């Protein structure tokens, strides 16, 4: 199925744009997950993040989207942001549309899980005291 959008960008992501990429009159449900930079990780305060992607990350993202779209027979869209982000910024938006909500939720969950495992994007968490650590290396 070719009903996919897969984008890696350094620009802010508008979740409505991702929703529109999958919406249609045949779908009664659009499920969207927005991954937002939070102010903590486990027991540490996080002040900012930096995401870096492998040069082929968008191809991996497209493969994830195509796989989920084919598996569920639904339109799928995902955008992941790279570069410096601050607390509250949107890092990832994934959307799936379906005639019914159960299928949309299941496909969106599968999509996000697959992206987290298969797309080569790494984040560096920055802490208020000036230290940082890489996650996902």
N, C-alpha and C. Protein backbone atom coordinates (compact mmCIF):
# COMPACT_ATOMS: atom_id res chain seq x y z
N UNK A 1 0.85 -1.17 0.00
CA UNK A 1 0.00 0.00 0.00
C UNK A 1 0.90 1.23 0.00
N UNK A 2 0.55 2.23 -0.78
CA UNK A 2 1.39 3.42 -0.89
C UNK A 2 0.82 4.60 -0.11
N UNK A 3 -0.16 4.37 0.75
CA UNK A 3 -0.76 5.45 1.53
C UNK A 3 0.11 5.78 2.73
N UNK A 4 1.33 6.26 2.48
CA UNK A 4 2.22 6.58 3.59
C UNK A 4 2.89 7.94 3.37
N UNK A 5 3.18 8.58 4.47
CA UNK A 5 4.01 9.77 4.50
C UNK A 5 5.07 9.51 5.56
N UNK A 6 6.32 9.76 5.23
CA UNK A 6 7.42 9.52 6.16
C UNK A 6 8.45 10.63 5.96
N UNK A 7 8.62 11.46 6.99
CA UNK A 7 9.48 12.63 6.86
C UNK A 7 10.35 12.80 8.09
N UNK A 8 11.63 13.06 7.86
CA UNK A 8 12.55 13.50 8.91
C UNK A 8 12.80 14.98 8.62
N UNK A 9 12.63 15.83 9.64
CA UNK A 9 12.73 17.27 9.42
C UNK A 9 13.39 17.96 10.61
N UNK A 10 14.01 19.08 10.34
CA UNK A 10 14.53 19.92 11.42
C UNK A 10 13.53 21.02 11.78
N UNK A 11 12.44 21.10 11.04
CA UNK A 11 11.40 22.10 11.29
C UNK A 11 10.41 21.60 12.33
N UNK A 12 9.75 22.52 13.05
CA UNK A 12 8.69 22.11 13.97
C UNK A 12 7.61 21.33 13.22
N UNK A 13 7.02 20.36 13.91
CA UNK A 13 6.00 19.49 13.31
C UNK A 13 4.63 19.94 13.78
N UNK A 14 3.71 20.08 12.81
CA UNK A 14 2.33 20.40 13.12
C UNK A 14 1.52 19.10 13.05
N UNK A 15 1.01 18.62 14.19
CA UNK A 15 0.25 17.36 14.17
C UNK A 15 -0.94 17.38 13.19
N UNK A 16 -1.54 18.53 12.98
CA UNK A 16 -2.68 18.62 12.05
C UNK A 16 -2.26 18.27 10.62
N UNK A 17 -1.04 18.62 10.26
CA UNK A 17 -0.52 18.29 8.93
C UNK A 17 -0.41 16.77 8.77
N UNK A 18 0.05 16.11 9.81
CA UNK A 18 0.20 14.66 9.76
C UNK A 18 -1.18 14.00 9.73
N UNK A 19 -2.12 14.51 10.52
CA UNK A 19 -3.50 14.00 10.50
C UNK A 19 -4.11 14.10 9.10
N UNK A 20 -3.94 15.25 8.47
CA UNK A 20 -4.52 15.46 7.13
C UNK A 20 -3.96 14.48 6.11
N UNK A 21 -2.72 14.05 6.32
CA UNK A 21 -2.09 13.12 5.37
C UNK A 21 -2.79 11.77 5.34
N UNK A 22 -3.51 11.41 6.41
CA UNK A 22 -4.17 10.10 6.46
C UNK A 22 -5.69 10.19 6.45
N UNK A 23 -6.24 11.34 6.73
CA UNK A 23 -7.70 11.50 6.85
C UNK A 23 -8.41 11.31 5.52
N UNK A 24 -9.65 10.87 5.61
CA UNK A 24 -10.49 10.73 4.44
C UNK A 24 -11.91 10.41 4.86
N UNK A 25 -12.86 10.59 3.96
CA UNK A 25 -14.27 10.40 4.31
C UNK A 25 -14.62 8.95 4.67
N UNK A 26 -13.78 8.01 4.29
CA UNK A 26 -14.03 6.61 4.60
C UNK A 26 -13.57 6.21 6.00
N UNK A 27 -12.87 7.13 6.66
CA UNK A 27 -12.30 6.82 7.98
C UNK A 27 -13.07 7.52 9.09
N UNK A 28 -13.52 6.74 10.06
CA UNK A 28 -14.22 7.28 11.21
C UNK A 28 -13.30 7.56 12.37
N UNK A 29 -12.02 7.17 12.25
CA UNK A 29 -11.07 7.38 13.33
C UNK A 29 -9.72 7.78 12.76
N UNK A 30 -9.15 8.80 13.35
CA UNK A 30 -7.75 9.16 13.10
C UNK A 30 -7.08 9.19 14.46
N UNK A 31 -6.11 8.31 14.64
CA UNK A 31 -5.38 8.25 15.90
C UNK A 31 -4.00 8.83 15.65
N UNK A 32 -3.64 9.79 16.49
CA UNK A 32 -2.35 10.46 16.37
C UNK A 32 -1.63 10.42 17.71
N UNK A 33 -0.36 10.07 17.65
CA UNK A 33 0.49 10.10 18.83
C UNK A 33 1.53 11.18 18.60
N UNK A 34 1.59 12.11 19.54
CA UNK A 34 2.62 13.15 19.51
C UNK A 34 3.60 12.88 20.63
N UNK A 35 4.84 12.64 20.27
CA UNK A 35 5.90 12.46 21.26
C UNK A 35 6.49 13.82 21.59
N UNK A 36 6.34 14.23 22.84
CA UNK A 36 6.72 15.57 23.28
C UNK A 36 7.94 15.47 24.20
N UNK A 37 8.87 16.39 24.07
CA UNK A 37 10.04 16.42 24.93
C UNK A 37 9.58 16.72 26.36
N UNK A 38 9.88 15.80 27.25
CA UNK A 38 9.49 15.97 28.66
C UNK A 38 10.67 16.50 29.47
N UNK A 39 10.38 16.93 30.69
CA UNK A 39 11.40 17.57 31.52
C UNK A 39 12.15 16.61 32.43
N UNK A 40 12.00 15.33 32.18
CA UNK A 40 12.70 14.35 33.02
C UNK A 40 12.90 13.05 32.25
N UNK A 41 13.86 12.27 32.71
CA UNK A 41 14.06 10.91 32.24
C UNK A 41 14.48 10.10 33.45
N UNK A 42 13.64 9.18 33.82
CA UNK A 42 13.84 8.40 35.04
C UNK A 42 13.92 9.37 36.22
N UNK A 43 15.03 9.43 36.91
CA UNK A 43 15.13 10.27 38.10
C UNK A 43 15.93 11.55 37.85
N UNK A 44 16.16 11.90 36.57
CA UNK A 44 16.97 13.09 36.26
C UNK A 44 16.13 14.14 35.55
N UNK A 45 16.40 15.40 35.86
CA UNK A 45 15.75 16.52 35.18
C UNK A 45 16.43 16.73 33.83
N UNK A 46 15.63 16.88 32.79
CA UNK A 46 16.13 17.11 31.43
C UNK A 46 15.79 18.55 31.05
N UNK A 47 16.79 19.28 30.54
CA UNK A 47 16.54 20.67 30.16
C UNK A 47 16.33 20.83 28.65
N UNK A 48 16.87 19.92 27.85
CA UNK A 48 16.73 20.00 26.40
C UNK A 48 17.20 18.67 25.79
N UNK A 49 16.91 18.50 24.50
CA UNK A 49 17.34 17.32 23.75
C UNK A 49 17.93 17.74 22.43
N UNK A 50 18.75 16.88 21.89
CA UNK A 50 19.21 17.02 20.52
C UNK A 50 19.04 15.66 19.85
N UNK A 51 18.34 15.63 18.72
CA UNK A 51 18.18 14.39 17.95
C UNK A 51 19.09 14.44 16.74
N UNK A 52 19.80 13.33 16.49
CA UNK A 52 20.58 13.17 15.28
C UNK A 52 20.12 11.91 14.58
N UNK A 53 20.08 11.98 13.26
CA UNK A 53 19.60 10.85 12.46
C UNK A 53 20.68 10.38 11.50
N UNK A 54 20.70 9.10 11.27
CA UNK A 54 21.53 8.51 10.23
C UNK A 54 21.10 9.11 8.89
N UNK A 55 22.01 9.27 7.93
CA UNK A 55 21.62 9.83 6.63
C UNK A 55 20.49 9.07 5.94
N UNK A 56 20.33 7.78 6.22
CA UNK A 56 19.25 6.99 5.62
C UNK A 56 18.04 6.84 6.52
N UNK A 57 17.95 7.63 7.58
CA UNK A 57 16.86 7.48 8.55
C UNK A 57 15.48 7.62 7.91
N UNK A 58 15.35 8.54 6.96
CA UNK A 58 14.03 8.71 6.33
C UNK A 58 13.62 7.46 5.54
N UNK A 59 14.58 6.80 4.94
CA UNK A 59 14.27 5.54 4.24
C UNK A 59 13.79 4.48 5.24
N UNK A 60 14.45 4.40 6.39
CA UNK A 60 14.01 3.46 7.43
C UNK A 60 12.62 3.82 7.94
N UNK A 61 12.36 5.11 8.11
CA UNK A 61 11.04 5.56 8.55
C UNK A 61 9.98 5.19 7.52
N UNK A 62 10.28 5.40 6.25
CA UNK A 62 9.34 5.04 5.19
C UNK A 62 9.07 3.52 5.19
N UNK A 63 10.11 2.73 5.39
CA UNK A 63 9.93 1.28 5.44
C UNK A 63 9.01 0.88 6.59
N UNK A 64 9.18 1.51 7.75
CA UNK A 64 8.29 1.25 8.90
C UNK A 64 6.84 1.60 8.54
N UNK A 65 6.66 2.76 7.96
CA UNK A 65 5.32 3.20 7.60
C UNK A 65 4.69 2.28 6.56
N UNK A 66 5.45 1.92 5.54
CA UNK A 66 4.93 1.03 4.50
C UNK A 66 4.57 -0.33 5.07
N UNK A 67 5.40 -0.84 5.96
CA UNK A 67 5.15 -2.14 6.56
C UNK A 67 3.85 -2.13 7.38
N UNK A 68 3.67 -1.12 8.21
CA UNK A 68 2.46 -1.03 9.03
C UNK A 68 1.24 -0.79 8.14
N UNK A 69 1.39 0.07 7.13
CA UNK A 69 0.28 0.32 6.21
C UNK A 69 -0.15 -0.96 5.50
N UNK A 70 0.82 -1.74 5.06
CA UNK A 70 0.52 -3.00 4.39
C UNK A 70 -0.10 -4.02 5.35
N UNK A 71 0.47 -4.12 6.54
CA UNK A 71 -0.01 -5.08 7.53
C UNK A 71 -1.46 -4.81 7.95
N UNK A 72 -1.79 -3.53 8.14
CA UNK A 72 -3.12 -3.17 8.62
C UNK A 72 -4.06 -2.73 7.50
N UNK A 73 -3.52 -2.46 6.30
CA UNK A 73 -4.33 -1.99 5.20
C UNK A 73 -4.89 -0.60 5.42
N UNK A 74 -4.09 0.25 6.06
CA UNK A 74 -4.54 1.59 6.45
C UNK A 74 -3.51 2.65 6.04
N UNK A 75 -3.96 3.90 5.84
CA UNK A 75 -3.01 4.97 5.58
C UNK A 75 -2.26 5.35 6.86
N UNK A 76 -0.97 5.63 6.69
CA UNK A 76 -0.07 5.87 7.82
C UNK A 76 0.81 7.07 7.49
N UNK A 77 1.08 7.89 8.50
CA UNK A 77 2.00 9.02 8.33
C UNK A 77 2.83 9.18 9.59
N UNK A 78 4.10 9.54 9.41
CA UNK A 78 4.97 9.79 10.56
C UNK A 78 5.99 10.86 10.18
N UNK A 79 6.23 11.75 11.13
CA UNK A 79 7.27 12.76 10.99
C UNK A 79 8.10 12.76 12.27
N UNK A 80 9.42 12.79 12.11
CA UNK A 80 10.31 12.85 13.26
C UNK A 80 11.21 14.06 13.10
N UNK A 81 11.35 14.80 14.16
CA UNK A 81 12.17 16.00 14.14
C UNK A 81 13.60 15.68 14.59
N UNK A 82 14.56 16.37 14.01
CA UNK A 82 15.95 16.26 14.41
C UNK A 82 16.47 17.65 14.74
N UNK A 83 17.63 17.67 15.39
CA UNK A 83 18.22 18.94 15.79
C UNK A 83 17.91 19.23 17.24
N UNK A 84 18.18 20.46 17.68
CA UNK A 84 17.94 20.82 19.07
C UNK A 84 16.45 21.05 19.35
N UNK A 85 15.97 20.49 20.46
CA UNK A 85 14.59 20.67 20.90
C UNK A 85 14.59 21.04 22.37
N UNK A 86 13.56 21.74 22.79
CA UNK A 86 13.42 22.10 24.19
C UNK A 86 12.19 21.41 24.77
N UNK A 87 12.09 21.41 26.07
CA UNK A 87 10.95 20.81 26.75
C UNK A 87 9.66 21.39 26.17
N UNK A 88 8.73 20.50 25.82
CA UNK A 88 7.46 20.90 25.23
C UNK A 88 7.42 20.80 23.72
N UNK A 89 8.58 20.74 23.05
CA UNK A 89 8.60 20.59 21.60
C UNK A 89 8.13 19.20 21.20
N UNK A 90 7.54 19.09 20.04
CA UNK A 90 7.11 17.80 19.50
C UNK A 90 8.27 17.18 18.72
N UNK A 91 8.63 15.95 19.11
CA UNK A 91 9.73 15.25 18.47
C UNK A 91 9.25 14.26 17.41
N UNK A 92 8.08 13.67 17.62
CA UNK A 92 7.54 12.64 16.73
C UNK A 92 6.03 12.77 16.66
N UNK A 93 5.49 12.68 15.46
CA UNK A 93 4.05 12.58 15.28
C UNK A 93 3.80 11.39 14.36
N UNK A 94 2.93 10.49 14.81
CA UNK A 94 2.53 9.33 14.02
C UNK A 94 1.00 9.30 13.96
N UNK A 95 0.45 9.14 12.76
CA UNK A 95 -1.00 9.12 12.59
C UNK A 95 -1.42 7.94 11.72
N UNK A 96 -2.56 7.38 12.07
CA UNK A 96 -3.16 6.30 11.30
C UNK A 96 -4.67 6.56 11.24
N UNK A 97 -5.25 6.35 10.08
CA UNK A 97 -6.70 6.49 9.94
C UNK A 97 -7.29 5.12 9.63
N UNK A 98 -8.52 4.90 10.13
CA UNK A 98 -9.21 3.64 9.92
C UNK A 98 -10.71 3.88 10.01
N UNK A 99 -11.49 2.96 9.46
CA UNK A 99 -12.94 3.10 9.61
C UNK A 99 -13.38 3.08 11.08
N UNK A 100 -12.64 2.35 11.92
CA UNK A 100 -13.02 2.20 13.33
C UNK A 100 -11.80 2.44 14.22
N UNK A 101 -12.04 2.93 15.44
CA UNK A 101 -10.96 3.36 16.33
C UNK A 101 -10.02 2.23 16.76
N UNK A 102 -10.54 1.05 17.00
CA UNK A 102 -9.69 -0.05 17.48
C UNK A 102 -8.55 -0.34 16.53
N UNK A 103 -8.86 -0.40 15.24
CA UNK A 103 -7.83 -0.66 14.24
C UNK A 103 -6.83 0.49 14.17
N UNK A 104 -7.33 1.72 14.28
CA UNK A 104 -6.44 2.89 14.22
C UNK A 104 -5.50 2.91 15.42
N UNK A 105 -6.03 2.63 16.63
CA UNK A 105 -5.17 2.59 17.82
C UNK A 105 -4.12 1.49 17.71
N UNK A 106 -4.53 0.31 17.28
CA UNK A 106 -3.60 -0.82 17.17
C UNK A 106 -2.49 -0.51 16.16
N UNK A 107 -2.86 0.03 15.02
CA UNK A 107 -1.86 0.33 13.99
C UNK A 107 -0.93 1.45 14.44
N UNK A 108 -1.46 2.46 15.11
CA UNK A 108 -0.61 3.57 15.56
C UNK A 108 0.38 3.09 16.62
N UNK A 109 -0.09 2.25 17.54
CA UNK A 109 0.81 1.69 18.55
C UNK A 109 1.91 0.87 17.89
N UNK A 110 1.54 0.03 16.93
CA UNK A 110 2.54 -0.78 16.23
C UNK A 110 3.53 0.10 15.47
N UNK A 111 3.03 1.17 14.87
CA UNK A 111 3.90 2.07 14.12
C UNK A 111 4.93 2.74 15.03
N UNK A 112 4.48 3.29 16.15
CA UNK A 112 5.41 3.96 17.06
C UNK A 112 6.42 2.97 17.62
N UNK A 113 5.96 1.79 17.99
CA UNK A 113 6.88 0.76 18.51
C UNK A 113 7.94 0.42 17.47
N UNK A 114 7.53 0.28 16.22
CA UNK A 114 8.49 -0.08 15.17
C UNK A 114 9.48 1.06 14.91
N UNK A 115 8.99 2.28 14.88
CA UNK A 115 9.86 3.43 14.66
C UNK A 115 10.95 3.49 15.74
N UNK A 116 10.54 3.30 17.00
CA UNK A 116 11.49 3.38 18.11
C UNK A 116 12.60 2.34 17.98
N UNK A 117 12.30 1.20 17.40
CA UNK A 117 13.27 0.11 17.29
C UNK A 117 14.09 0.19 16.00
N UNK A 118 13.46 0.57 14.88
CA UNK A 118 14.10 0.39 13.58
C UNK A 118 14.67 1.65 12.93
N UNK A 119 14.26 2.82 13.37
CA UNK A 119 14.75 4.03 12.71
C UNK A 119 15.98 4.55 13.45
N UNK A 120 17.10 4.70 12.75
CA UNK A 120 18.35 5.10 13.41
C UNK A 120 18.39 6.60 13.72
N UNK A 121 17.75 6.93 14.83
CA UNK A 121 17.75 8.30 15.36
C UNK A 121 18.20 8.20 16.81
N UNK A 122 19.12 9.07 17.18
CA UNK A 122 19.66 9.05 18.54
C UNK A 122 19.40 10.39 19.19
N UNK A 123 19.23 10.36 20.50
CA UNK A 123 19.02 11.63 21.20
C UNK A 123 20.08 11.82 22.28
N UNK A 124 20.44 13.08 22.42
CA UNK A 124 21.34 13.48 23.50
C UNK A 124 20.52 14.33 24.46
N UNK A 125 20.41 13.83 25.67
CA UNK A 125 19.70 14.55 26.71
C UNK A 125 20.65 15.51 27.38
N UNK A 126 20.19 16.73 27.59
CA UNK A 126 20.99 17.72 28.28
C UNK A 126 20.37 17.98 29.64
N UNK A 127 21.24 18.09 30.65
CA UNK A 127 20.79 18.25 32.02
C UNK A 127 21.14 19.66 32.52
N UNK A 128 20.37 20.17 33.47
CA UNK A 128 20.56 21.55 33.94
C UNK A 128 21.97 21.86 34.43
N UNK A 129 22.66 20.87 34.97
CA UNK A 129 24.02 21.14 35.49
C UNK A 129 25.07 21.21 34.39
N UNK A 130 24.64 21.07 33.12
CA UNK A 130 25.56 21.21 31.99
C UNK A 130 26.09 19.91 31.43
N UNK A 131 25.72 18.78 32.01
CA UNK A 131 26.15 17.49 31.47
C UNK A 131 25.13 16.99 30.45
N UNK A 132 25.50 15.94 29.73
CA UNK A 132 24.59 15.35 28.76
C UNK A 132 24.89 13.87 28.63
N UNK A 133 23.93 13.14 28.04
CA UNK A 133 24.15 11.72 27.73
C UNK A 133 23.39 11.35 26.47
N UNK A 134 23.99 10.44 25.70
CA UNK A 134 23.34 9.92 24.51
C UNK A 134 22.45 8.75 24.88
N UNK A 135 21.30 8.68 24.26
CA UNK A 135 20.34 7.60 24.48
C UNK A 135 20.11 6.92 23.13
N UNK A 136 20.10 5.60 23.12
CA UNK A 136 19.81 4.87 21.89
C UNK A 136 21.02 4.57 21.05
N UNK A 137 22.21 4.72 21.60
CA UNK A 137 23.42 4.38 20.83
C UNK A 137 23.76 2.93 21.02
